[in-house]
Every structure is written in structure tokens, then in C-alpha cells.
Amino acid sequence: MRAPGLLRIFNFLYFSLLAMFVAFLPVYLDDQGLNPAQIGFIIGTGGFVTLFTQPLWGMISDKTKTIRKVMLLLLLFSSAFGFLLYDSSSYLQLVVFAMLLYFFLMPIDPLTESLNFTISETSGVSYGSIRTFGASGYAFFSLITGYVMSYFGANSLALLFAGIGILGFVIIWLMPDAPVTGKPVTWSSLKQFLGHKETLLFLLLVFLCSVPTRMNDTFLGVYIRELGGSPELVGQAWFLAAGSEILVFAVSFWWQRKGKEMFYITFAAVFFFLRFLISAFLTDPHLLAYLQILQIVTFPVFYSAAIQYLYRIVPAEWRATGQTVLALLFFGVSGILASYVGGVIYKSFGGQVLFLTMASLSFAGLLFGLVMFRMYGNKREGEELGK
């Protein structure tokens, strides 16, 4: 099988692992008796781990000039620690194994996205045709995981996680290696990359929009359970959210146009605001789950446009640095603030106030997006920073 085909299978499997970890770790911790503040502490601390482990493994990949061998190592340890995490119940064990899983599982994401873009360009296929399989895996296993938890118990996720991880290991083993061509992340390149006004404004916009998104990722399942929803309803909610991404990525070749990224980002910010505002006033867990269909016009549009905008404004030799910074900002820094602050807000004031806070932050992102659209929305196609 050719590299794009194997990569599609791996995207399906890896994002299945992310569904079990990102979407259901809060639900699993809640099932073990942890309160929202404790859940926020674990996930927020995991954000700190992600903050340094992603560039660490990126530099190791650059230094060794291989992605395949690094990913094999990360998948092996992820499978082992994922099994141990979902087979644990004590608070100390949950903290330790969750941190180890953040250390080994999350760095696979930017490496996978790098492979997706590189192989799609070299093979002459669209990025969306590969990334669609990731969205499919996330959607399918969000649904499956909810039913597995309900019918076989929360600890049954241990075998499921390890099994999917091993399958991913086999697929990467069969793939040809893809040598790293970008420069390693260094303080000097990072300083140079961050020295441009447009870069700083763009990253601030991403941060404003990603904090409420990460709050939703962390506490949606917990809030659905609090409203009386079952684990399978949580799975259905994430199935609707991730499943809606499939269509967006599948037709990205049609809607995604260079030079229109800021319009797409602002468009997504509008629906982020509406989604979280409506969520704050829903008391029926089923309606809250069904509302996740609005993911179709929020995250996949926002993140795809953000990556394309970054790749368009940043010179080619800085793209590796830019991709890492974007991943750290969206999944690391914002996740830390979202988990710590979100956990405190949830515990002190309840889920409704948390979702109103998320809506307010999204509205701030919307206003900032309009400013950015006015300033940079008409940049010429192919224009880069420093030119």
C-alpha cells in the first residue's frame, strides 16, 4: 500500500486514541470520583507537559532525521501508559499515568500533521483527503467509547486503548520513513519568527479563540453527566461534533481558498460564540449533545484556515517552527489556562457560568478577528512575512 493509504489508516487510529484521551479522560476521572477542580488540575498540568514535550520530540525528530522511528517509540509507550491510566483508580496513579500519556501521546499530533501536509504535497493529493480519516476515527471512537464505558465499565477502556495503539504501531512500522527537512526549533528561530507584528496578532487571535474551545473539550462531558446524561450520550455528542468535521475536511479542496483564511477564521468565531452562548441556557443533556453539530462550522474551519494562514505568511524555512508554535498555543498554553481556570469556575459557579465565560471569550475573539480581517484580510495570495 502506498504512503497516503497507510497514512489515512494511521490518522484514523491515532485520532481514535485522541478521542479516548481528550474527550473521555474528563469523563473517566469524573467516574473515579474526582471533582471539576481536580479534573482541571490534571488536564491543566498535562498542558504544561505538552508545552515542552512537543518541541522536545520535534527536535529529537529533527536531530535524528526521522519521523517514523520517533513515532514508533511514542506509540509504544503511549499504548502501555494508556492501558495503565484506564486501569487505575487512585488519585496519585491517575495523575502520574495521565502525565506520562501527555508526554508520549500528544507529541504525535504535530508529527502526524507534518506528515499529512508533506505526503499530500509530494503525492499530489489534498490534505483534506487524508485528514478526513482522522476526523472519522475521532467521531467513530467517540461513539464507541461511550457505549464501551456504559456496558463494560470505565476500566474496559484500558484494553481498547492499548489495542488501538498497537495497531497504530504496526501501520507506522509498515510506512516508509519521511526525513525531516525543516530546521529544528531553536530560541533564535523562535525569536525571529515571533518578531513580526502580524505573527503576534495572529497568535493572539488563535489564543483567544482556542481557550473557550479547550474549556469545552475538557468540561463538556462532565456537564452532560451533571445534567443527567449517560456516558453513551457523551459519546454521541462527540460523535456529532467530530463526525461533522468529516464533511468539512472532505470538501476542503472546494471551500478552502488561499487569501481567504482570515474570513474563514472570523466566520468560525461567530459560531463559536453562538454555540457556547446557547449551551449556557440548555438544561436538557440531549439538546446539549445535539448542539455539538455546530462543530461543522467552528473547529475544522478555524483550525484548517489557521494552519493555511500560517503556512502562507511564514517563509518556508520557518514552517516547522511555526507549526510547533501553533500546536503549542492551541493545545498547550490555551489548554493550561482553560483547564485550571475552567475547573475553578465550574466548581465555584457551575456549568452555566462556565459556558457564559466561554461565550464571552469567543465574542472577544470575534471582535479581534474582525480587526485582523480589516488589517490583513486582503493580503495577496502567496505573500510571506519578511517579503
Protein backbone atom coordinates (compact mmCIF):
# COMPACT_ATOMS: atom_id res chain seq x y z
CA MET A 1 0.00 0.00 0.00
CA ARG A 2 1.26 3.47 -0.87
CA ALA A 3 2.20 6.00 1.81
CA PRO A 4 -1.02 8.10 1.51
CA GLY A 5 -3.15 4.99 2.08
CA LEU A 6 -1.19 3.89 5.14
CA LEU A 7 -1.23 7.45 6.46
CA ARG A 8 -5.02 7.59 6.12
CA ILE A 9 -5.30 4.42 8.22
CA PHE A 10 -2.92 5.82 10.80
CA ASN A 11 -4.88 9.09 11.01
CA PHE A 12 -8.00 7.06 11.75
CA LEU A 13 -6.25 5.09 14.50
CA TYR A 14 -4.35 7.99 16.10
CA PHE A 15 -7.38 10.26 16.29
CA SER A 16 -9.29 7.32 17.78
CA LEU A 17 -6.73 7.38 20.60
CA LEU A 18 -7.20 11.14 20.93
CA ALA A 19 -10.96 10.65 21.24
CA MET A 20 -10.45 8.21 24.10
CA PHE A 21 -7.95 10.53 25.76
CA VAL A 22 -9.09 14.12 25.09
CA ALA A 23 -12.85 13.58 25.07
CA PHE A 24 -13.16 10.82 27.67
CA LEU A 25 -10.35 11.40 30.16
CA PRO A 26 -12.50 14.01 31.98
CA VAL A 27 -15.45 11.59 31.96
CA TYR A 28 -13.24 8.77 33.27
CA LEU A 29 -11.84 10.99 36.02
CA ASP A 30 -15.37 12.05 36.94
CA ASP A 31 -16.33 8.37 37.09
CA GLN A 32 -13.47 7.79 39.54
CA GLY A 33 -14.94 10.42 41.87
CA LEU A 34 -12.74 13.45 41.10
CA ASN A 35 -14.31 16.92 41.29
CA PRO A 36 -14.08 19.54 38.47
CA ALA A 37 -11.15 21.33 40.12
CA GLN A 38 -9.16 18.09 40.36
CA ILE A 39 -10.02 17.21 36.77
CA GLY A 40 -8.94 20.69 35.67
CA PHE A 41 -5.69 20.31 37.61
CA ILE A 42 -4.78 17.04 35.88
CA ILE A 43 -5.62 18.28 32.40
CA GLY A 44 -4.05 21.70 33.00
CA THR A 45 -0.84 20.12 34.27
CA GLY A 46 -0.93 17.90 31.21
CA GLY A 47 -0.93 21.12 29.18
CA PHE A 48 2.33 22.12 30.88
CA VAL A 49 3.82 18.75 29.94
CA THR A 50 2.67 19.21 26.34
CA LEU A 51 4.23 22.66 26.32
CA PHE A 52 7.75 21.29 26.42
CA THR A 53 7.33 17.70 25.23
CA GLN A 54 6.09 18.63 21.72
CA PRO A 55 9.13 20.77 20.82
CA LEU A 56 11.38 18.23 22.60
CA TRP A 57 10.25 15.34 20.42
CA GLY A 58 10.21 17.65 17.40
CA MET A 59 13.87 18.46 17.97
CA ILE A 60 14.67 14.78 18.52
CA SER A 61 12.97 14.04 15.20
CA ASP A 62 14.96 16.83 13.51
CA LYS A 63 18.22 15.67 15.08
CA THR A 64 17.78 12.02 14.10
CA LYS A 65 16.34 12.95 10.68
CA THR A 66 13.43 10.54 11.05
CA ILE A 67 9.75 10.80 11.93
CA ARG A 68 8.92 7.10 11.67
CA LYS A 69 11.26 5.83 14.40
CA VAL A 70 10.26 8.62 16.78
CA MET A 71 6.58 7.88 16.24
CA LEU A 72 7.14 4.14 16.82
CA LEU A 73 8.73 4.90 20.18
CA LEU A 74 5.97 7.33 21.16
CA LEU A 75 3.22 4.88 20.16
CA LEU A 76 4.79 2.02 22.11
CA PHE A 77 4.94 3.99 25.36
CA SER A 78 1.52 5.59 24.73
CA SER A 79 -0.10 2.16 24.43
CA ALA A 80 1.47 1.00 27.70
CA PHE A 81 0.69 4.09 29.75
CA GLY A 82 -2.80 4.40 28.27
CA PHE A 83 -3.53 0.87 29.49
CA LEU A 84 -2.22 1.71 32.96
CA LEU A 85 -4.14 5.00 33.12
CA TYR A 86 -7.53 3.47 32.36
CA ASP A 87 -6.82 0.59 34.72
CA SER A 88 -6.16 2.96 37.65
CA SER A 89 -8.44 4.48 40.27
CA SER A 90 -6.26 6.18 42.90
CA TYR A 91 -5.66 9.92 42.50
CA LEU A 92 -1.85 9.60 42.54
CA GLN A 93 -1.84 6.88 39.88
CA LEU A 94 -4.24 8.87 37.70
CA VAL A 95 -2.00 11.94 37.90
CA VAL A 96 1.22 10.04 37.14
CA PHE A 97 -0.09 7.97 34.23
CA ALA A 98 -2.00 10.90 32.73
CA MET A 99 1.20 12.99 32.73
CA LEU A 100 3.14 10.17 31.09
CA LEU A 101 0.46 9.84 28.43
CA TYR A 102 0.59 13.58 27.78
CA PHE A 103 4.37 13.20 27.44
CA PHE A 104 4.23 10.42 24.84
CA LEU A 105 0.83 10.70 23.07
CA MET A 106 0.39 14.42 22.42
CA PRO A 107 3.72 14.97 20.55
CA ILE A 108 2.46 12.55 17.89
CA ASP A 109 -0.11 15.17 16.78
CA PRO A 110 2.27 17.76 15.19
CA LEU A 111 4.38 14.93 13.73
CA THR A 112 1.23 13.46 12.15
CA GLU A 113 0.11 16.84 10.80
CA SER A 114 3.60 17.36 9.36
CA LEU A 115 3.34 14.00 7.61
CA ASN A 116 -0.16 14.85 6.37
CA PHE A 117 1.00 18.08 4.72
CA THR A 118 4.29 16.68 3.41
CA ILE A 119 2.87 13.48 1.92
CA SER A 120 -0.20 15.24 0.50
CA GLU A 121 2.06 17.71 -1.33
CA THR A 122 4.54 15.11 -2.61
CA SER A 123 1.81 12.64 -3.63
CA GLY A 124 -0.42 15.21 -5.30
CA VAL A 125 -3.44 14.55 -3.08
CA SER A 126 -5.35 17.04 -0.95
CA TYR A 127 -4.61 17.46 2.74
CA GLY A 128 -8.32 17.08 3.45
CA SER A 129 -8.47 13.66 1.79
CA ILE A 130 -6.01 12.39 4.40
CA ARG A 131 -7.15 14.41 7.42
CA THR A 132 -10.76 13.30 6.84
CA PHE A 133 -9.79 9.87 8.13
CA GLY A 134 -8.59 11.44 11.37
CA ALA A 135 -11.96 13.13 11.86
CA SER A 136 -13.66 9.81 11.05
CA GLY A 137 -11.61 7.98 13.69
CA TYR A 138 -12.35 10.64 16.31
CA ALA A 139 -16.07 10.53 15.53
CA PHE A 140 -16.41 6.75 15.38
CA PHE A 141 -14.47 6.06 18.57
CA SER A 142 -16.19 8.85 20.45
CA LEU A 143 -19.39 6.93 19.88
CA ILE A 144 -17.86 3.50 20.55
CA THR A 145 -16.06 4.63 23.71
CA GLY A 146 -19.27 5.93 25.29
CA TYR A 147 -21.04 2.61 24.77
CA VAL A 148 -18.00 0.62 25.95
CA MET A 149 -17.91 2.62 29.19
CA SER A 150 -21.64 2.12 29.78
CA TYR A 151 -21.83 -1.60 29.04
CA PHE A 152 -18.40 -2.91 30.08
CA GLY A 153 -17.31 -0.37 32.70
CA ALA A 154 -14.87 2.53 32.63
CA ASN A 155 -11.81 0.30 33.14
CA SER A 156 -12.59 -1.54 29.89
CA LEU A 157 -11.02 1.43 28.10
CA ALA A 158 -7.61 0.08 29.12
CA LEU A 159 -7.67 -2.82 26.65
CA LEU A 160 -9.37 -0.77 23.95
CA PHE A 161 -6.76 1.99 24.15
CA ALA A 162 -3.81 -0.41 24.14
CA GLY A 163 -5.24 -2.38 21.23
CA ILE A 164 -5.71 0.69 19.01
CA GLY A 165 -2.23 1.92 19.97
CA ILE A 166 -0.64 -1.36 18.90
CA LEU A 167 -2.49 -1.28 15.56
CA GLY A 168 -1.15 2.25 15.01
CA PHE A 169 2.36 0.97 15.81
CA VAL A 170 2.01 -1.72 13.11
CA ILE A 171 0.83 0.79 10.48
CA ILE A 172 3.74 3.17 11.15
CA TRP A 173 6.12 0.19 11.04
CA LEU A 174 4.88 -0.56 7.50
CA MET A 175 5.20 3.07 6.33
CA PRO A 176 8.33 4.35 4.57
CA ASP A 177 10.27 6.88 6.57
CA ALA A 178 9.80 10.59 5.90
CA PRO A 179 13.00 12.51 6.65
CA VAL A 180 12.65 15.84 8.41
CA THR A 181 13.60 18.73 6.18
CA GLY A 182 12.66 21.72 8.35
CA LYS A 183 15.05 23.44 10.70
CA PRO A 184 14.92 22.34 14.34
CA VAL A 185 13.15 24.58 16.81
CA THR A 186 15.71 26.90 18.40
CA TRP A 187 15.41 30.03 20.53
CA SER A 188 16.92 32.15 17.74
CA SER A 189 14.48 30.89 15.10
CA LEU A 190 11.61 31.26 17.54
CA LYS A 191 12.62 34.85 18.31
CA GLN A 192 12.89 35.62 14.60
CA PHE A 193 9.52 34.06 13.89
CA LEU A 194 7.82 35.97 16.71
CA GLY A 195 9.41 39.28 15.75
CA HIS A 196 6.70 40.20 13.24
CA LYS A 197 3.61 42.16 14.24
CA GLU A 198 1.29 40.10 12.08
CA THR A 199 2.59 36.88 13.64
CA LEU A 200 1.95 38.15 17.16
CA LEU A 201 -1.55 39.38 16.32
CA PHE A 202 -2.38 36.12 14.58
CA LEU A 203 -1.20 34.03 17.55
CA LEU A 204 -3.17 36.25 19.94
CA LEU A 205 -6.29 35.65 17.86
CA VAL A 206 -5.68 31.89 17.92
CA PHE A 207 -5.24 32.05 21.70
CA LEU A 208 -8.48 33.99 22.27
CA CYS A 209 -10.46 31.50 20.23
CA SER A 210 -8.72 28.35 21.49
CA VAL A 211 -9.18 28.93 25.26
CA PRO A 212 -13.00 28.55 25.19
CA THR A 213 -12.65 25.66 22.73
CA ARG A 214 -10.34 23.83 25.11
CA MET A 215 -12.70 24.56 28.02
CA ASN A 216 -15.44 22.88 26.03
CA ASP A 217 -13.20 19.89 25.26
CA THR A 218 -12.44 19.45 28.95
CA PHE A 219 -15.80 20.02 30.62
CA LEU A 220 -18.50 19.21 28.02
CA GLY A 221 -18.66 15.55 29.02
CA VAL A 222 -18.65 16.41 32.73
CA TYR A 223 -21.50 18.90 32.25
CA ILE A 224 -23.58 16.44 30.23
CA ARG A 225 -23.17 13.93 33.06
CA GLU A 226 -24.15 16.57 35.62
CA LEU A 227 -27.34 17.32 33.67
CA GLY A 228 -28.23 13.64 33.85
CA GLY A 229 -26.70 12.34 30.63
CA SER A 230 -25.11 8.91 30.32
CA PRO A 231 -21.59 8.06 29.05
CA GLU A 232 -23.08 6.95 25.73
CA LEU A 233 -24.75 10.35 25.38
CA VAL A 234 -21.31 11.93 25.86
CA GLY A 235 -20.08 9.63 23.10
CA GLN A 236 -22.97 10.67 20.86
CA ALA A 237 -22.16 14.35 21.49
CA TRP A 238 -18.55 13.87 20.43
CA PHE A 239 -19.66 11.69 17.51
CA LEU A 240 -21.82 14.55 16.22
CA ALA A 241 -19.00 17.04 16.77
CA ALA A 242 -16.21 15.01 15.19
CA GLY A 243 -18.48 13.46 12.57
CA SER A 244 -19.40 16.89 11.28
CA GLU A 245 -15.70 17.56 10.70
CA ILE A 246 -15.55 14.75 8.15
CA LEU A 247 -17.61 16.68 5.61
CA VAL A 248 -15.60 19.87 6.14
CA PHE A 249 -12.25 18.16 5.61
CA ALA A 250 -13.57 16.05 2.72
CA VAL A 251 -14.61 19.12 0.71
CA SER A 252 -11.75 21.37 1.85
CA PHE A 253 -10.40 21.38 -1.72
CA TRP A 254 -13.62 23.15 -2.71
CA TRP A 255 -14.07 25.76 0.03
CA GLN A 256 -10.51 26.44 1.20
CA ARG A 257 -9.03 29.27 -0.85
CA LYS A 258 -5.68 30.93 -0.31
CA GLY A 259 -6.01 34.55 0.74
CA LYS A 260 -9.43 33.94 2.37
CA GLU A 261 -8.17 32.44 5.63
CA MET A 262 -8.97 35.41 7.88
CA PHE A 263 -12.55 35.45 6.58
CA TYR A 264 -12.92 31.74 7.48
CA ILE A 265 -11.40 32.30 10.94
CA THR A 266 -13.80 35.17 11.66
CA PHE A 267 -16.72 33.14 10.31
CA ALA A 268 -15.86 30.29 12.71
CA ALA A 269 -15.55 32.73 15.64
CA VAL A 270 -19.17 33.83 15.10
CA PHE A 271 -20.42 30.28 15.53
CA PHE A 272 -18.09 29.57 18.45
CA PHE A 273 -19.82 32.46 20.24
CA LEU A 274 -23.33 31.26 19.34
CA ARG A 275 -22.54 27.64 20.23
CA PHE A 276 -21.30 28.41 23.74
CA LEU A 277 -23.96 31.05 24.42
CA ILE A 278 -26.77 28.63 23.57
CA SER A 279 -25.06 25.88 25.60
CA ALA A 280 -25.20 28.06 28.72
CA PHE A 281 -29.01 28.10 28.69
CA LEU A 282 -29.67 24.44 27.87
CA THR A 283 -30.75 22.18 30.74
CA ASP A 284 -31.59 19.09 28.70
CA PRO A 285 -28.42 16.98 28.22
CA HIS A 286 -29.76 15.59 24.94
CA LEU A 287 -30.19 19.08 23.46
CA LEU A 288 -26.68 19.98 24.60
CA ALA A 289 -25.36 16.86 22.89
CA TYR A 290 -27.25 17.61 19.66
CA LEU A 291 -25.92 21.18 19.66
CA GLN A 292 -22.43 19.81 19.04
CA ILE A 293 -23.36 19.54 15.37
CA LEU A 294 -22.28 23.20 15.22
CA GLN A 295 -18.74 21.85 15.24
CA ILE A 296 -19.18 21.70 11.47
CA VAL A 297 -18.80 25.49 11.23
CA THR A 298 -16.37 26.01 14.13
CA PHE A 299 -13.24 23.96 14.86
CA PRO A 300 -12.46 22.34 11.45
CA VAL A 301 -12.99 25.64 9.63
CA PHE A 302 -10.99 27.59 12.20
CA TYR A 303 -8.05 25.20 12.53
CA SER A 304 -7.71 24.42 8.82
CA ALA A 305 -7.74 28.12 7.98
CA ALA A 306 -5.28 28.89 10.80
CA ILE A 307 -2.77 26.31 9.53
CA GLN A 308 -3.11 27.55 5.94
CA TYR A 309 -2.77 31.18 7.04
CA LEU A 310 0.36 30.30 8.99
CA TYR A 311 1.87 28.44 6.04
CA ARG A 312 1.05 31.34 3.72
CA ILE A 313 2.60 34.16 5.77
CA VAL A 314 5.64 32.31 7.10
CA PRO A 315 8.71 31.68 4.91
CA ALA A 316 9.31 28.01 4.15
CA GLU A 317 12.38 27.70 6.38
CA TRP A 318 10.30 28.78 9.42
CA ARG A 319 7.34 26.50 8.83
CA ALA A 320 8.49 23.77 11.22
CA THR A 321 8.85 26.38 13.96
CA GLY A 322 5.51 27.95 13.11
CA GLN A 323 3.66 24.61 13.11
CA THR A 324 5.10 23.75 16.53
CA VAL A 325 4.23 27.16 17.98
CA LEU A 326 0.67 26.91 16.66
CA ALA A 327 0.22 23.42 18.14
CA LEU A 328 1.68 24.52 21.48
CA LEU A 329 -0.58 27.56 21.60
CA PHE A 330 -3.76 25.73 20.65
CA PHE A 331 -3.28 22.52 22.62
CA GLY A 332 -0.73 23.55 25.26
CA VAL A 333 -0.89 27.12 26.56
CA SER A 334 -4.61 27.55 25.99
CA GLY A 335 -5.28 24.10 27.48
CA ILE A 336 -3.44 25.05 30.67
CA LEU A 337 -5.49 28.20 31.21
CA ALA A 338 -8.72 26.53 30.10
CA SER A 339 -8.32 23.59 32.48
CA TYR A 340 -7.13 25.46 35.58
CA VAL A 341 -9.42 28.47 35.29
CA GLY A 342 -12.30 26.45 33.86
CA GLY A 343 -12.10 23.97 36.71
CA VAL A 344 -12.21 26.71 39.32
CA ILE A 345 -15.12 28.49 37.61
CA TYR A 346 -17.05 25.23 37.22
CA LYS A 347 -16.54 24.20 40.85
CA SER A 348 -17.33 27.67 42.24
CA PHE A 349 -20.16 28.87 39.99
CA GLY A 350 -21.38 25.89 37.96
CA GLY A 351 -21.51 24.88 34.32
CA GLN A 352 -23.77 27.68 33.13
CA VAL A 353 -21.37 30.40 34.27
CA LEU A 354 -18.50 28.47 32.66
CA PHE A 355 -20.27 28.40 29.29
CA LEU A 356 -21.14 32.09 29.57
CA THR A 357 -17.44 32.76 30.19
CA MET A 358 -16.60 30.72 27.10
CA ALA A 359 -19.13 32.70 25.06
CA SER A 360 -17.61 35.98 26.28
CA LEU A 361 -14.10 34.89 25.31
CA SER A 362 -15.37 33.76 21.90
CA PHE A 363 -17.02 37.14 21.38
CA ALA A 364 -13.70 38.84 22.18
CA GLY A 365 -12.08 36.56 19.60
CA LEU A 366 -14.76 37.51 17.09
CA LEU A 367 -14.10 41.24 17.57
CA PHE A 368 -10.36 40.72 17.31
CA GLY A 369 -10.89 38.61 14.18
CA LEU A 370 -12.81 41.46 12.57
CA VAL A 371 -9.89 43.79 13.31
CA MET A 372 -7.44 41.29 11.81
CA PHE A 373 -9.67 40.81 8.78
CA ARG A 374 -9.70 44.55 8.17
CA MET A 375 -5.91 44.77 8.57
CA TYR A 376 -4.77 41.64 6.73
CA GLY A 377 -7.80 40.09 5.07
CA ASN A 378 -6.81 41.26 1.60
CA LYS A 379 -3.18 40.11 1.61
CA ARG A 380 -2.08 38.80 -1.76
CA GLU A 381 -2.03 35.06 -2.29
CA GLY A 382 1.42 33.67 -1.55
CA GLU A 383 2.64 36.74 0.32
CA GLU A 384 5.01 35.85 3.14
CA LEU A 385 6.42 37.59 6.16
CA GLY A 386 9.66 39.35 5.51
CA LYS A 387 8.99 39.87 1.81
